Amino acid sequence: MHRLLAAILTCMAAAALAFGAAVGIVAALSATPEQPNVPLVSFPHGTAGSSQQDQRQPDSKQPDSQGPDSQQPEP
């Protein structure tokens, strides 16, 4: 009978300890402040990730690119 009582008390103590640890971990994680979502690097408009066609005005007199891969009609 003493062994059964000791086993039951040990299980209850282990369950209480596990529950307390879980509550403590959740409380510690909730206590940390949210990190701000601020970019570390910012680029001025039109310098990163934009092509020349994005920067070109529709009425500008810039010629189209005629690279070696461009298709020209045969006369």
PDB file of N, CA and C in Angstrom:
ATOM      1  N   MET A   1       0.831  -1.188   0.000  1.00  0.00           N
ATOM      2  CA  MET A   1       0.000   0.000   0.000  1.00  0.00           C
ATOM      3  C   MET A   1       0.876   1.253   0.000  1.00  0.00           C
ATOM      4  N   HIS A   2       1.987   1.211   0.710  1.00  0.00           N
ATOM      5  CA  HIS A   2       2.872   2.375   0.769  1.00  0.00           C
ATOM      6  C   HIS A   2       3.517   2.620  -0.593  1.00  0.00           C
ATOM      7  N   ARG A   3       3.825   1.533  -1.310  1.00  0.00           N
ATOM      8  CA  ARG A   3       4.421   1.695  -2.641  1.00  0.00           C
ATOM      9  C   ARG A   3       3.416   2.314  -3.614  1.00  0.00           C
ATOM     10  N   LEU A   4       2.171   1.894  -3.547  1.00  0.00           N
ATOM     11  CA  LEU A   4       1.143   2.440  -4.430  1.00  0.00           C
ATOM     12  C   LEU A   4       0.929   3.929  -4.145  1.00  0.00           C
ATOM     13  N   LEU A   5       0.893   4.290  -2.874  1.00  0.00           N
ATOM     14  CA  LEU A   5       0.732   5.694  -2.489  1.00  0.00           C
ATOM     15  C   LEU A   5       1.930   6.519  -2.943  1.00  0.00           C
ATOM     16  N   ALA A   6       3.137   5.980  -2.813  1.00  0.00           N
ATOM     17  CA  ALA A   6       4.344   6.682  -3.245  1.00  0.00           C
ATOM     18  C   ALA A   6       4.346   6.856  -4.767  1.00  0.00           C
ATOM     19  N   ALA A   7       3.883   5.835  -5.507  1.00  0.00           N
ATOM     20  CA  ALA A   7       3.843   5.925  -6.968  1.00  0.00           C
ATOM     21  C   ALA A   7       2.825   6.965  -7.408  1.00  0.00           C
ATOM     22  N   ILE A   8       1.678   6.987  -6.773  1.00  0.00           N
ATOM     23  CA  ILE A   8       0.646   7.961  -7.118  1.00  0.00           C
ATOM     24  C   ILE A   8       1.125   9.379  -6.817  1.00  0.00           C
ATOM     25  N   LEU A   9       1.737   9.571  -5.657  1.00  0.00           N
ATOM     26  CA  LEU A   9       2.246  10.899  -5.298  1.00  0.00           C
ATOM     27  C   LEU A   9       3.363  11.339  -6.237  1.00  0.00           C
ATOM     28  N   THR A  10       4.205  10.396  -6.650  1.00  0.00           N
ATOM     29  CA  THR A  10       5.285  10.728  -7.580  1.00  0.00           C
ATOM     30  C   THR A  10       4.724  11.142  -8.937  1.00  0.00           C
ATOM     31  N   CYS A  11       3.712  10.423  -9.420  1.00  0.00           N
ATOM     32  CA  CYS A  11       3.075  10.775 -10.700  1.00  0.00           C
ATOM     33  C   CYS A  11       2.398  12.134 -10.619  1.00  0.00           C
ATOM     34  N   MET A  12       1.734  12.405  -9.506  1.00  0.00           N
ATOM     35  CA  MET A  12       1.074  13.695  -9.354  1.00  0.00           C
ATOM     36  C   MET A  12       2.090  14.828  -9.279  1.00  0.00           C
ATOM     37  N   ALA A  13       3.188  14.595  -8.585  1.00  0.00           N
ATOM     38  CA  ALA A  13       4.232  15.613  -8.491  1.00  0.00           C
ATOM     39  C   ALA A  13       4.874  15.859  -9.864  1.00  0.00           C
ATOM     40  N   ALA A  14       5.104  14.793 -10.632  1.00  0.00           N
ATOM     41  CA  ALA A  14       5.694  14.944 -11.964  1.00  0.00           C
ATOM     42  C   ALA A  14       4.744  15.696 -12.891  1.00  0.00           C
ATOM     43  N   ALA A  15       3.439  15.375 -12.794  1.00  0.00           N
ATOM     44  CA  ALA A  15       2.460  16.066 -13.628  1.00  0.00           C
ATOM     45  C   ALA A  15       2.379  17.543 -13.256  1.00  0.00           C
ATOM     46  N   ALA A  16       2.400  17.833 -11.959  1.00  0.00           N
ATOM     47  CA  ALA A  16       2.346  19.229 -11.510  1.00  0.00           C
ATOM     48  C   ALA A  16       3.600  19.985 -11.956  1.00  0.00           C
ATOM     49  N   LEU A  17       4.754  19.332 -11.894  1.00  0.00           N
ATOM     50  CA  LEU A  17       5.999  19.960 -12.322  1.00  0.00           C
ATOM     51  C   LEU A  17       5.982  20.226 -13.825  1.00  0.00           C
ATOM     52  N   ALA A  18       5.489  19.269 -14.607  1.00  0.00           N
ATOM     53  CA  ALA A  18       5.418  19.454 -16.053  1.00  0.00           C
ATOM     54  C   ALA A  18       4.441  20.574 -16.404  1.00  0.00           C
ATOM     55  N   PHE A  19       3.300  20.609 -15.720  1.00  0.00           N
ATOM     56  CA  PHE A  19       2.321  21.666 -15.973  1.00  0.00           C
ATOM     57  C   PHE A  19       2.898  23.030 -15.612  1.00  0.00           C
ATOM     58  N   GLY A  20       3.575  23.118 -14.492  1.00  0.00           N
ATOM     59  CA  GLY A  20       4.193  24.385 -14.080  1.00  0.00           C
ATOM     60  C   GLY A  20       5.266  24.835 -15.061  1.00  0.00           C
ATOM     61  N   ALA A  21       6.044  23.889 -15.562  1.00  0.00           N
ATOM     62  CA  ALA A  21       7.075  24.243 -16.547  1.00  0.00           C
ATOM     63  C   ALA A  21       6.435  24.747 -17.837  1.00  0.00           C
ATOM     64  N   ALA A  22       5.352  24.092 -18.268  1.00  0.00           N
ATOM     65  CA  ALA A  22       4.677  24.525 -19.489  1.00  0.00           C
ATOM     66  C   ALA A  22       4.088  25.922 -19.323  1.00  0.00           C
ATOM     67  N   VAL A  23       3.445  26.170 -18.197  1.00  0.00           N
ATOM     68  CA  VAL A  23       2.876  27.501 -17.949  1.00  0.00           C
ATOM     69  C   VAL A  23       3.987  28.547 -17.873  1.00  0.00           C
ATOM     70  N   GLY A  24       5.092  28.199 -17.256  1.00  0.00           N
ATOM     71  CA  GLY A  24       6.218  29.134 -17.165  1.00  0.00           C
ATOM     72  C   GLY A  24       6.818  29.453 -18.517  1.00  0.00           C
ATOM     73  N   ILE A  25       6.934  28.460 -19.386  1.00  0.00           N
ATOM     74  CA  ILE A  25       7.489  28.695 -20.720  1.00  0.00           C
ATOM     75  C   ILE A  25       6.557  29.588 -21.528  1.00  0.00           C
ATOM     76  N   VAL A  26       5.264  29.316 -21.466  1.00  0.00           N
ATOM     77  CA  VAL A  26       4.299  30.141 -22.194  1.00  0.00           C
ATOM     78  C   VAL A  26       4.315  31.574 -21.665  1.00  0.00           C
ATOM     79  N   ALA A  27       4.416  31.746 -20.360  1.00  0.00           N
ATOM     80  CA  ALA A  27       4.461  33.093 -19.789  1.00  0.00           C
ATOM     81  C   ALA A  27       5.738  33.821 -20.211  1.00  0.00           C
ATOM     82  N   ALA A  28       6.857  33.097 -20.265  1.00  0.00           N
ATOM     83  CA  ALA A  28       8.113  33.729 -20.673  1.00  0.00           C
ATOM     84  C   ALA A  28       8.062  34.132 -22.145  1.00  0.00           C
ATOM     85  N   LEU A  29       7.464  33.293 -22.989  1.00  0.00           N
ATOM     86  CA  LEU A  29       7.370  33.634 -24.406  1.00  0.00           C
ATOM     87  C   LEU A  29       6.392  34.780 -24.638  1.00  0.00           C
ATOM     88  N   SER A  30       5.357  34.871 -23.853  1.00  0.00           N
ATOM     89  CA  SER A  30       4.397  35.961 -24.003  1.00  0.00           C
ATOM     90  C   SER A  30       4.948  37.278 -23.468  1.00  0.00           C
ATOM     91  N   ALA A  31       5.894  37.210 -22.569  1.00  0.00           N
ATOM     92  CA  ALA A  31       6.436  38.424 -21.962  1.00  0.00           C
ATOM     93  C   ALA A  31       7.419  39.139 -22.877  1.00  0.00           C
ATOM     94  N   THR A  32       7.992  38.429 -23.871  1.00  0.00           N
ATOM     95  CA  THR A  32       8.948  39.077 -24.754  1.00  0.00           C
ATOM     96  C   THR A  32       8.198  39.982 -25.721  1.00  0.00           C
ATOM     97  N   PRO A  33       8.680  41.192 -25.961  1.00  0.00           N
ATOM     98  CA  PRO A  33       7.966  42.110 -26.857  1.00  0.00           C
ATOM     99  C   PRO A  33       8.088  41.670 -28.307  1.00  0.00           C
ATOM    100  N   GLU A  34       7.119  42.061 -29.101  1.00  0.00           N
ATOM    101  CA  GLU A  34       7.164  41.783 -30.530  1.00  0.00           C
ATOM    102  C   GLU A  34       8.277  42.623 -31.152  1.00  0.00           C
ATOM    103  N   GLN A  35       8.994  42.027 -32.091  1.00  0.00           N
ATOM    104  CA  GLN A  35      10.058  42.745 -32.769  1.00  0.00           C
ATOM    105  C   GLN A  35       9.448  43.589 -33.888  1.00  0.00           C
ATOM    106  N   PRO A  36       9.905  44.828 -34.056  1.00  0.00           N
ATOM    107  CA  PRO A  36       9.359  45.656 -35.123  1.00  0.00           C
ATOM    108  C   PRO A  36       9.776  45.131 -36.497  1.00  0.00           C
ATOM    109  N   ASN A  37       8.907  45.256 -37.450  1.00  0.00           N
ATOM    110  CA  ASN A  37       9.181  44.800 -38.806  1.00  0.00           C
ATOM    111  C   ASN A  37       9.681  45.988 -39.627  1.00  0.00           C
ATOM    112  N   VAL A  38      10.908  46.406 -39.346  1.00  0.00           N
ATOM    113  CA  VAL A  38      11.509  47.542 -40.022  1.00  0.00           C
ATOM    114  C   VAL A  38      12.662  47.020 -40.872  1.00  0.00           C
ATOM    115  N   PRO A  39      12.691  47.335 -42.163  1.00  0.00           N
ATOM    116  CA  PRO A  39      13.788  46.846 -42.995  1.00  0.00           C
ATOM    117  C   PRO A  39      15.115  47.467 -42.573  1.00  0.00           C
ATOM    118  N   LEU A  40      16.168  46.678 -42.656  1.00  0.00           N
ATOM    119  CA  LEU A  40      17.487  47.178 -42.297  1.00  0.00           C
ATOM    120  C   LEU A  40      18.074  48.059 -43.393  1.00  0.00           C
ATOM    121  N   VAL A  41      17.696  47.801 -44.639  1.00  0.00           N
ATOM    122  CA  VAL A  41      18.206  48.563 -45.773  1.00  0.00           C
ATOM    123  C   VAL A  41      17.020  49.037 -46.590  1.00  0.00           C
ATOM    124  N   SER A  42      17.035  50.302 -46.990  1.00  0.00           N
ATOM    125  CA  SER A  42      15.999  50.805 -47.889  1.00  0.00           C
ATOM    126  C   SER A  42      16.675  51.524 -49.043  1.00  0.00           C
ATOM    127  N   PHE A  43      16.112  51.375 -50.232  1.00  0.00           N
ATOM    128  CA  PHE A  43      16.669  51.972 -51.433  1.00  0.00           C
ATOM    129  C   PHE A  43      15.764  53.099 -51.908  1.00  0.00           C
ATOM    130  N   PRO A  44      16.350  54.147 -52.502  1.00  0.00           N
ATOM    131  CA  PRO A  44      15.525  55.197 -53.087  1.00  0.00           C
ATOM    132  C   PRO A  44      14.710  54.634 -54.250  1.00  0.00           C
ATOM    133  N   HIS A  45      13.651  55.305 -54.586  1.00  0.00           N
ATOM    134  CA  HIS A  45      12.765  54.838 -55.654  1.00  0.00           C
ATOM    135  C   HIS A  45      13.514  54.778 -56.979  1.00  0.00           C
ATOM    136  N   GLY A  46      13.423  53.665 -57.674  1.00  0.00           N
ATOM    137  CA  GLY A  46      13.987  53.534 -59.005  1.00  0.00           C
ATOM    138  C   GLY A  46      15.429  53.090 -59.046  1.00  0.00           C
ATOM    139  N   THR A  47      16.031  52.661 -57.951  1.00  0.00           N
ATOM    140  CA  THR A  47      17.428  52.244 -58.006  1.00  0.00           C
ATOM    141  C   THR A  47      17.607  50.744 -57.874  1.00  0.00           C
ATOM    142  N   ALA A  48      16.753  50.053 -57.195  1.00  0.00           N
ATOM    143  CA  ALA A  48      16.936  48.618 -57.000  1.00  0.00           C
ATOM    144  C   ALA A  48      15.750  47.867 -57.574  1.00  0.00           C
ATOM    145  N   GLY A  49      16.046  46.880 -58.414  1.00  0.00           N
ATOM    146  CA  GLY A  49      15.009  46.010 -58.914  1.00  0.00           C
ATOM    147  C   GLY A  49      14.171  46.576 -60.031  1.00  0.00           C
ATOM    148  N   SER A  50      14.534  47.732 -60.558  1.00  0.00           N
ATOM    149  CA  SER A  50      13.750  48.292 -61.656  1.00  0.00           C
ATOM    150  C   SER A  50      14.612  48.292 -62.913  1.00  0.00           C
ATOM    151  N   SER A  51      14.001  48.049 -64.032  1.00  0.00           N
ATOM    152  CA  SER A  51      14.726  48.022 -65.301  1.00  0.00           C
ATOM    153  C   SER A  51      14.705  49.398 -65.941  1.00  0.00           C
ATOM    154  N   GLN A  52      15.404  49.524 -67.074  1.00  0.00           N
ATOM    155  CA  GLN A  52      15.436  50.817 -67.760  1.00  0.00           C
ATOM    156  C   GLN A  52      14.066  51.191 -68.281  1.00  0.00           C
ATOM    157  N   GLN A  53      13.280  50.214 -68.680  1.00  0.00           N
ATOM    158  CA  GLN A  53      11.965  50.534 -69.215  1.00  0.00           C
ATOM    159  C   GLN A  53      11.059  51.096 -68.135  1.00  0.00           C
ATOM    160  N   ASP A  54      11.269  50.710 -66.882  1.00  0.00           N
ATOM    161  CA  ASP A  54      10.482  51.277 -65.796  1.00  0.00           C
ATOM    162  C   ASP A  54      10.832  52.748 -65.577  1.00  0.00           C
ATOM    163  N   GLN A  55      12.102  53.115 -65.823  1.00  0.00           N
ATOM    164  CA  GLN A  55      12.549  54.471 -65.573  1.00  0.00           C
ATOM    165  C   GLN A  55      12.296  55.382 -66.772  1.00  0.00           C
ATOM    166  N   ARG A  56      12.062  54.806 -67.951  1.00  0.00           N
ATOM    167  CA  ARG A  56      11.882  55.576 -69.171  1.00  0.00           C
ATOM    168  C   ARG A  56      10.508  56.228 -69.211  1.00  0.00           C
ATOM    169  N   GLN A  57      10.449  57.443 -69.700  1.00  0.00           N
ATOM    170  CA  GLN A  57       9.180  58.140 -69.881  1.00  0.00           C
ATOM    171  C   GLN A  57       8.578  57.701 -71.214  1.00  0.00           C
ATOM    172  N   PRO A  58       7.262  57.655 -71.338  1.00  0.00           N
ATOM    173  CA  PRO A  58       6.657  57.184 -72.583  1.00  0.00           C
ATOM    174  C   PRO A  58       6.949  58.070 -73.786  1.00  0.00           C
ATOM    175  N   ASP A  59       7.175  59.373 -73.602  1.00  0.00           N
ATOM    176  CA  ASP A  59       7.413  60.263 -74.728  1.00  0.00           C
ATOM    177  C   ASP A  59       8.903  60.548 -74.923  1.00  0.00           C
ATOM    178  N   SER A  60       9.785  59.793 -74.271  1.00  0.00           N
ATOM    179  CA  SER A  60      11.215  60.049 -74.404  1.00  0.00           C
ATOM    180  C   SER A  60      11.710  59.554 -75.754  1.00  0.00           C
ATOM    181  N   LYS A  61      12.809  60.121 -76.220  1.00  0.00           N
ATOM    182  CA  LYS A  61      13.353  59.823 -77.543  1.00  0.00           C
ATOM    183  C   LYS A  61      14.506  58.819 -77.458  1.00  0.00           C
ATOM    184  N   GLN A  62      14.497  57.924 -76.482  1.00  0.00           N
ATOM    185  CA  GLN A  62      15.571  56.941 -76.358  1.00  0.00           C
ATOM    186  C   GLN A  62      15.329  55.815 -77.356  1.00  0.00           C
ATOM    187  N   PRO A  63      16.376  55.399 -78.089  1.00  0.00           N
ATOM    188  CA  PRO A  63      16.190  54.304 -79.050  1.00  0.00           C
ATOM    189  C   PRO A  63      16.030  52.979 -78.311  1.00  0.00           C
ATOM    190  N   ASP A  64      15.340  52.064 -78.972  1.00  0.00           N
ATOM    191  CA  ASP A  64      15.210  50.723 -78.401  1.00  0.00           C
ATOM    192  C   ASP A  64      16.557  50.022 -78.471  1.00  0.00           C
ATOM    193  N   SER A  65      16.793  49.119 -77.551  1.00  0.00           N
ATOM    194  CA  SER A  65      18.074  48.417 -77.536  1.00  0.00           C
ATOM    195  C   SER A  65      18.126  47.447 -78.712  1.00  0.00           C
ATOM    196  N   GLN A  66      19.256  47.434 -79.404  1.00  0.00           N
ATOM    197  CA  GLN A  66      19.465  46.537 -80.530  1.00  0.00           C
ATOM    198  C   GLN A  66      20.663  45.648 -80.219  1.00  0.00           C
ATOM    199  N   GLY A  67      20.491  44.731 -79.310  1.00  0.00           N
ATOM    200  CA  GLY A  67      21.563  43.831 -78.919  1.00  0.00           C
ATOM    201  C   GLY A  67      21.720  42.701 -79.907  1.00  0.00           C
ATOM    202  N   PRO A  68      22.691  41.834 -79.695  1.00  0.00           N
ATOM    203  CA  PRO A  68      22.926  40.718 -80.614  1.00  0.00           C
ATOM    204  C   PRO A  68      21.782  39.707 -80.618  1.00  0.00           C
ATOM    205  N   ASP A  69      20.961  39.698 -79.585  1.00  0.00           N
ATOM    206  CA  ASP A  69      19.859  38.744 -79.516  1.00  0.00           C
ATOM    207  C   ASP A  69      18.559  39.294 -80.090  1.00  0.00           C
ATOM    208  N   SER A  70      18.565  40.562 -80.489  1.00  0.00           N
ATOM    209  CA  SER A  70      17.311  41.150 -80.963  1.00  0.00           C
ATOM    210  C   SER A  70      17.006  40.645 -82.374  1.00  0.00           C
ATOM    211  N   GLN A  71      15.756  40.482 -82.672  1.00  0.00           N
ATOM    212  CA  GLN A  71      15.303  39.987 -83.973  1.00  0.00           C
ATOM    213  C   GLN A  71      15.025  41.180 -84.877  1.00  0.00           C
ATOM    214  N   GLN A  72      15.709  41.254 -86.018  1.00  0.00           N
ATOM    215  CA  GLN A  72      15.466  42.304 -86.992  1.00  0.00           C
ATOM    216  C   GLN A  72      14.901  41.674 -88.243  1.00  0.00           C
ATOM    217  N   PRO A  73      13.894  42.297 -88.859  1.00  0.00           N
ATOM    218  CA  PRO A  73      13.341  41.713 -90.079  1.00  0.00           C
ATOM    219  C   PRO A  73      14.331  41.813 -91.235  1.00  0.00           C
ATOM    220  N   GLU A  74      14.362  40.791 -92.072  1.00  0.00           N
ATOM    221  CA  GLU A  74      15.234  40.770 -93.254  1.00  0.00           C
ATOM    222  C   GLU A  74      14.570  41.581 -94.364  1.00  0.00           C
ATOM    223  N   PRO A  75      15.328  42.438 -95.119  1.00  0.00           N
ATOM    224  CA  PRO A  75      14.720  43.221 -96.224  1.00  0.00           C
ATOM    225  C   PRO A  75      14.461  42.377 -97.449  1.00  0.00           C
TER     226      PRO A  75
END
